[in-house]
Amino acid sequence: MSTRTVKCVKLGRELPGLPRPPFRGDLGQRIYDNVSQQAWDLWQQQSTLLINHYGLNMADKRAQQFLLEQMEDFFFGPGAEMPEGWIPEDQAGAPGKGGGKGAPVPQRK
């Protein structure tokens, strides 16, 4: 059985897709059809950051709605695509992976 690939809307290239829609509904299907596993993993990190930063209680319907809106913007909003030539941090500097171009290291204030 071969891996399903998608033209990832976030990363702008053909990559392995999700094994199944991440949740029911139109947005879940849209993500399944257009988002790679790699981009979904980036969203998981981003959603954790948002939950912790805003102290979201995921049992609260308003928090759930906020996170869904953020997810839709993350994947499909204006400027959602990663910059051309972007390489995930875990692949930065790896041989054959673009010579060290990767996500910048966050600077402490």
N, C-alpha and C. Protein backbone atom coordinates (compact mmCIF):
# COMPACT_ATOMS: atom_id res chain seq x y z
N MET A 1 0.84 -1.18 0.00
CA MET A 1 0.00 0.00 0.00
C MET A 1 0.89 1.24 0.00
N SER A 2 0.66 2.14 -0.94
CA SER A 2 1.50 3.33 -1.03
C SER A 2 0.95 4.45 -0.16
N THR A 3 1.84 5.37 0.20
CA THR A 3 1.46 6.52 1.00
C THR A 3 0.71 7.52 0.14
N ARG A 4 -0.40 8.00 0.65
CA ARG A 4 -1.19 9.02 -0.05
C ARG A 4 -0.46 10.35 0.04
N THR A 5 -0.36 11.06 -1.07
CA THR A 5 0.29 12.37 -1.05
C THR A 5 -0.73 13.45 -1.40
N VAL A 6 -0.42 14.66 -0.96
CA VAL A 6 -1.24 15.83 -1.26
C VAL A 6 -0.32 16.97 -1.67
N LYS A 7 -0.85 17.88 -2.45
CA LYS A 7 -0.15 19.15 -2.72
C LYS A 7 -0.49 20.02 -1.51
N CYS A 8 0.45 20.11 -0.58
CA CYS A 8 0.21 20.76 0.71
C CYS A 8 0.03 22.27 0.54
N VAL A 9 -1.12 22.75 0.99
CA VAL A 9 -1.42 24.17 0.90
C VAL A 9 -0.51 25.01 1.80
N LYS A 10 -0.03 24.44 2.88
CA LYS A 10 0.82 25.17 3.83
C LYS A 10 2.28 25.19 3.37
N LEU A 11 2.79 24.06 2.93
CA LEU A 11 4.21 23.95 2.60
C LEU A 11 4.49 24.07 1.11
N GLY A 12 3.45 24.06 0.29
CA GLY A 12 3.59 24.34 -1.13
C GLY A 12 4.26 23.27 -1.95
N ARG A 13 4.23 22.03 -1.49
CA ARG A 13 4.82 20.96 -2.29
C ARG A 13 4.09 19.64 -2.02
N GLU A 14 4.36 18.67 -2.86
CA GLU A 14 3.74 17.35 -2.76
C GLU A 14 4.41 16.60 -1.60
N LEU A 15 3.58 16.20 -0.62
CA LEU A 15 4.09 15.53 0.58
C LEU A 15 3.10 14.45 1.03
N PRO A 16 3.54 13.51 1.88
CA PRO A 16 2.61 12.53 2.42
C PRO A 16 1.46 13.21 3.17
N GLY A 17 0.24 12.72 2.91
CA GLY A 17 -0.95 13.29 3.54
C GLY A 17 -1.27 12.62 4.86
N LEU A 18 -2.33 13.10 5.47
CA LEU A 18 -2.82 12.52 6.71
C LEU A 18 -3.45 11.16 6.42
N PRO A 19 -3.39 10.22 7.36
CA PRO A 19 -3.97 8.90 7.11
C PRO A 19 -5.50 8.92 7.08
N ARG A 20 -6.11 9.92 7.73
CA ARG A 20 -7.57 10.06 7.77
C ARG A 20 -7.89 11.51 8.11
N PRO A 21 -9.11 11.97 7.86
CA PRO A 21 -9.46 13.34 8.25
C PRO A 21 -9.25 13.51 9.76
N PRO A 22 -8.73 14.65 10.20
CA PRO A 22 -8.43 14.84 11.62
C PRO A 22 -9.67 14.96 12.50
N PHE A 23 -10.80 15.31 11.91
CA PHE A 23 -12.08 15.37 12.61
C PHE A 23 -13.18 15.45 11.57
N ARG A 24 -14.43 15.27 12.02
CA ARG A 24 -15.57 15.28 11.11
C ARG A 24 -15.88 16.69 10.62
N GLY A 25 -16.60 16.76 9.53
CA GLY A 25 -17.07 18.04 9.02
C GLY A 25 -16.29 18.53 7.83
N ASP A 26 -16.76 19.65 7.29
CA ASP A 26 -16.16 20.21 6.08
C ASP A 26 -14.70 20.60 6.27
N LEU A 27 -14.38 21.25 7.40
CA LEU A 27 -13.00 21.67 7.64
C LEU A 27 -12.08 20.46 7.78
N GLY A 28 -12.53 19.42 8.48
CA GLY A 28 -11.73 18.20 8.61
C GLY A 28 -11.43 17.57 7.26
N GLN A 29 -12.44 17.55 6.38
CA GLN A 29 -12.23 16.99 5.04
C GLN A 29 -11.32 17.89 4.21
N ARG A 30 -11.48 19.19 4.34
CA ARG A 30 -10.63 20.14 3.60
C ARG A 30 -9.16 19.98 4.01
N ILE A 31 -8.94 19.81 5.30
CA ILE A 31 -7.57 19.60 5.80
C ILE A 31 -7.03 18.28 5.26
N TYR A 32 -7.83 17.22 5.32
CA TYR A 32 -7.41 15.92 4.81
C TYR A 32 -7.01 16.00 3.33
N ASP A 33 -7.77 16.75 2.55
CA ASP A 33 -7.53 16.85 1.11
C ASP A 33 -6.35 17.75 0.74
N ASN A 34 -5.98 18.70 1.61
CA ASN A 34 -5.04 19.75 1.23
C ASN A 34 -3.83 19.96 2.14
N VAL A 35 -3.75 19.21 3.23
CA VAL A 35 -2.69 19.45 4.23
C VAL A 35 -1.87 18.18 4.42
N SER A 36 -0.56 18.34 4.41
CA SER A 36 0.35 17.20 4.61
C SER A 36 0.47 16.85 6.09
N GLN A 37 0.97 15.65 6.34
CA GLN A 37 1.24 15.24 7.72
C GLN A 37 2.23 16.19 8.37
N GLN A 38 3.23 16.61 7.61
CA GLN A 38 4.26 17.52 8.14
C GLN A 38 3.63 18.85 8.57
N ALA A 39 2.74 19.40 7.75
CA ALA A 39 2.07 20.66 8.11
C ALA A 39 1.13 20.46 9.30
N TRP A 40 0.48 19.30 9.37
CA TRP A 40 -0.39 19.00 10.51
C TRP A 40 0.44 18.96 11.80
N ASP A 41 1.63 18.39 11.73
CA ASP A 41 2.51 18.36 12.89
C ASP A 41 2.88 19.78 13.32
N LEU A 42 3.10 20.68 12.36
CA LEU A 42 3.37 22.09 12.68
C LEU A 42 2.17 22.70 13.39
N TRP A 43 0.96 22.37 12.91
CA TRP A 43 -0.25 22.89 13.56
C TRP A 43 -0.35 22.38 15.00
N GLN A 44 -0.01 21.13 15.23
CA GLN A 44 -0.07 20.58 16.59
C GLN A 44 0.81 21.40 17.53
N GLN A 45 1.99 21.78 17.07
CA GLN A 45 2.88 22.62 17.87
C GLN A 45 2.26 24.00 18.08
N GLN A 46 1.71 24.58 17.01
CA GLN A 46 1.10 25.91 17.10
C GLN A 46 -0.11 25.89 18.03
N SER A 47 -0.93 24.86 17.95
CA SER A 47 -2.12 24.80 18.80
C SER A 47 -1.74 24.68 20.27
N THR A 48 -0.69 23.92 20.56
CA THR A 48 -0.21 23.82 21.94
C THR A 48 0.25 25.18 22.44
N LEU A 49 0.96 25.90 21.59
CA LEU A 49 1.41 27.25 21.95
C LEU A 49 0.21 28.15 22.25
N LEU A 50 -0.82 28.12 21.40
CA LEU A 50 -2.01 28.95 21.60
C LEU A 50 -2.76 28.58 22.88
N ILE A 51 -2.93 27.28 23.10
CA ILE A 51 -3.63 26.82 24.30
C ILE A 51 -2.90 27.29 25.55
N ASN A 52 -1.59 27.14 25.57
CA ASN A 52 -0.82 27.55 26.74
C ASN A 52 -0.75 29.07 26.88
N HIS A 53 -0.55 29.78 25.78
CA HIS A 53 -0.42 31.24 25.83
C HIS A 53 -1.70 31.89 26.34
N TYR A 54 -2.84 31.43 25.82
CA TYR A 54 -4.11 32.04 26.19
C TYR A 54 -4.79 31.33 27.36
N GLY A 55 -4.18 30.26 27.85
CA GLY A 55 -4.78 29.51 28.96
C GLY A 55 -6.15 28.96 28.59
N LEU A 56 -6.27 28.43 27.38
CA LEU A 56 -7.56 27.96 26.89
C LEU A 56 -8.01 26.71 27.63
N ASN A 57 -9.28 26.69 27.98
CA ASN A 57 -9.92 25.52 28.55
C ASN A 57 -10.66 24.85 27.41
N MET A 58 -10.17 23.73 26.94
CA MET A 58 -10.72 23.11 25.74
C MET A 58 -12.08 22.47 25.98
N ALA A 59 -12.58 22.48 27.22
CA ALA A 59 -13.95 22.06 27.49
C ALA A 59 -14.93 23.20 27.19
N ASP A 60 -14.41 24.41 27.05
CA ASP A 60 -15.22 25.61 26.77
C ASP A 60 -15.45 25.70 25.26
N LYS A 61 -16.71 25.78 24.85
CA LYS A 61 -17.06 25.86 23.42
C LYS A 61 -16.42 27.08 22.75
N ARG A 62 -16.29 28.20 23.47
CA ARG A 62 -15.66 29.39 22.89
C ARG A 62 -14.19 29.14 22.59
N ALA A 63 -13.50 28.42 23.47
CA ALA A 63 -12.09 28.08 23.25
C ALA A 63 -11.96 27.14 22.05
N GLN A 64 -12.87 26.18 21.94
CA GLN A 64 -12.85 25.26 20.80
C GLN A 64 -13.06 26.03 19.49
N GLN A 65 -14.02 26.97 19.49
CA GLN A 65 -14.29 27.75 18.29
C GLN A 65 -13.09 28.62 17.93
N PHE A 66 -12.46 29.23 18.94
CA PHE A 66 -11.27 30.05 18.72
C PHE A 66 -10.18 29.22 18.06
N LEU A 67 -9.94 28.01 18.58
CA LEU A 67 -8.88 27.17 18.04
C LEU A 67 -9.21 26.71 16.61
N LEU A 68 -10.48 26.42 16.33
CA LEU A 68 -10.87 26.07 14.96
C LEU A 68 -10.63 27.22 14.00
N GLU A 69 -10.94 28.44 14.42
CA GLU A 69 -10.70 29.62 13.58
C GLU A 69 -9.21 29.81 13.34
N GLN A 70 -8.41 29.62 14.39
CA GLN A 70 -6.97 29.75 14.26
C GLN A 70 -6.41 28.68 13.32
N MET A 71 -6.96 27.47 13.41
CA MET A 71 -6.53 26.37 12.54
C MET A 71 -6.83 26.70 11.09
N GLU A 72 -8.03 27.18 10.82
CA GLU A 72 -8.40 27.51 9.44
C GLU A 72 -7.49 28.61 8.90
N ASP A 73 -7.20 29.63 9.72
CA ASP A 73 -6.28 30.69 9.30
C ASP A 73 -4.87 30.15 9.08
N PHE A 74 -4.42 29.24 9.95
CA PHE A 74 -3.08 28.67 9.85
C PHE A 74 -2.88 27.97 8.51
N PHE A 75 -3.89 27.23 8.07
CA PHE A 75 -3.77 26.49 6.83
C PHE A 75 -4.24 27.24 5.59
N PHE A 76 -5.30 28.02 5.72
CA PHE A 76 -5.95 28.57 4.53
C PHE A 76 -6.07 30.09 4.51
N GLY A 77 -5.66 30.75 5.58
CA GLY A 77 -5.78 32.21 5.65
C GLY A 77 -4.76 32.92 4.79
N PRO A 78 -4.91 34.25 4.66
CA PRO A 78 -3.95 35.02 3.87
C PRO A 78 -2.54 34.89 4.46
N GLY A 79 -1.60 34.62 3.60
CA GLY A 79 -0.21 34.49 4.05
C GLY A 79 0.08 33.19 4.78
N ALA A 80 -0.80 32.19 4.64
CA ALA A 80 -0.63 30.94 5.37
C ALA A 80 0.52 30.09 4.85
N GLU A 81 0.86 30.24 3.57
CA GLU A 81 1.93 29.41 3.00
C GLU A 81 3.28 29.81 3.60
N MET A 82 4.10 28.82 3.87
CA MET A 82 5.43 29.07 4.41
C MET A 82 6.29 29.73 3.34
N PRO A 83 7.31 30.51 3.73
CA PRO A 83 8.17 31.17 2.75
C PRO A 83 8.85 30.16 1.83
N GLU A 84 9.08 30.55 0.58
CA GLU A 84 9.74 29.68 -0.38
C GLU A 84 11.11 29.28 0.15
N GLY A 85 11.44 28.01 0.05
CA GLY A 85 12.73 27.52 0.51
C GLY A 85 12.77 27.18 1.99
N TRP A 86 11.64 27.36 2.71
CA TRP A 86 11.60 27.06 4.14
C TRP A 86 11.82 25.57 4.36
N ILE A 87 12.62 25.25 5.37
CA ILE A 87 12.93 23.87 5.73
C ILE A 87 12.66 23.72 7.22
N PRO A 88 11.96 22.66 7.62
CA PRO A 88 11.69 22.46 9.04
C PRO A 88 12.97 22.44 9.86
N GLU A 89 12.86 22.92 11.08
CA GLU A 89 14.01 23.04 11.97
C GLU A 89 14.74 21.72 12.14
N ASP A 90 13.98 20.61 12.24
CA ASP A 90 14.63 19.31 12.45
C ASP A 90 15.38 18.82 11.22
N GLN A 91 15.20 19.48 10.06
CA GLN A 91 15.94 19.11 8.85
C GLN A 91 16.99 20.14 8.48
N ALA A 92 17.05 21.24 9.20
CA ALA A 92 18.01 22.30 8.90
C ALA A 92 19.43 21.78 9.02
N GLY A 93 20.23 22.02 8.01
CA GLY A 93 21.64 21.63 8.05
C GLY A 93 21.90 20.18 7.74
N ALA A 94 20.84 19.38 7.56
CA ALA A 94 21.04 17.97 7.22
C ALA A 94 21.55 17.87 5.80
N PRO A 95 22.42 16.92 5.52
CA PRO A 95 22.94 16.78 4.16
C PRO A 95 21.81 16.66 3.15
N GLY A 96 21.91 17.44 2.08
CA GLY A 96 20.91 17.38 1.02
C GLY A 96 19.60 18.04 1.36
N LYS A 97 19.55 18.75 2.46
CA LYS A 97 18.29 19.36 2.89
C LYS A 97 18.33 20.87 2.79
N GLY A 98 19.21 21.45 2.05
CA GLY A 98 19.17 22.88 1.84
C GLY A 98 20.28 23.65 2.52
N GLY A 99 21.25 22.97 3.08
CA GLY A 99 22.43 23.64 3.60
C GLY A 99 22.22 24.55 4.78
N GLY A 100 21.33 24.18 5.69
CA GLY A 100 21.22 24.94 6.92
C GLY A 100 20.15 26.00 6.95
N LYS A 101 19.39 26.17 5.89
CA LYS A 101 18.27 27.11 5.95
C LYS A 101 17.17 26.43 6.75
N GLY A 102 16.75 27.03 7.79
CA GLY A 102 15.69 26.44 8.59
C GLY A 102 14.94 27.51 9.34
N ALA A 103 14.08 27.07 10.19
CA ALA A 103 13.32 28.00 11.00
C ALA A 103 14.29 28.74 11.91
N PRO A 104 14.12 30.05 12.05
CA PRO A 104 15.03 30.80 12.92
C PRO A 104 14.85 30.41 14.38
N VAL A 105 15.91 30.50 15.12
CA VAL A 105 15.86 30.23 16.55
C VAL A 105 15.20 31.43 17.22
N PRO A 106 14.16 31.21 18.05
CA PRO A 106 13.52 32.34 18.72
C PRO A 106 14.51 33.07 19.62
N GLN A 107 14.45 34.38 19.61
CA GLN A 107 15.33 35.21 20.43
C GLN A 107 14.63 35.57 21.74
N ARG A 108 15.35 35.48 22.82
CA ARG A 108 14.80 35.89 24.12
C ARG A 108 14.79 37.40 24.20
N LYS A 109 13.77 37.91 24.84
CA LYS A 109 13.67 39.37 25.01
C LYS A 109 14.32 39.81 26.29
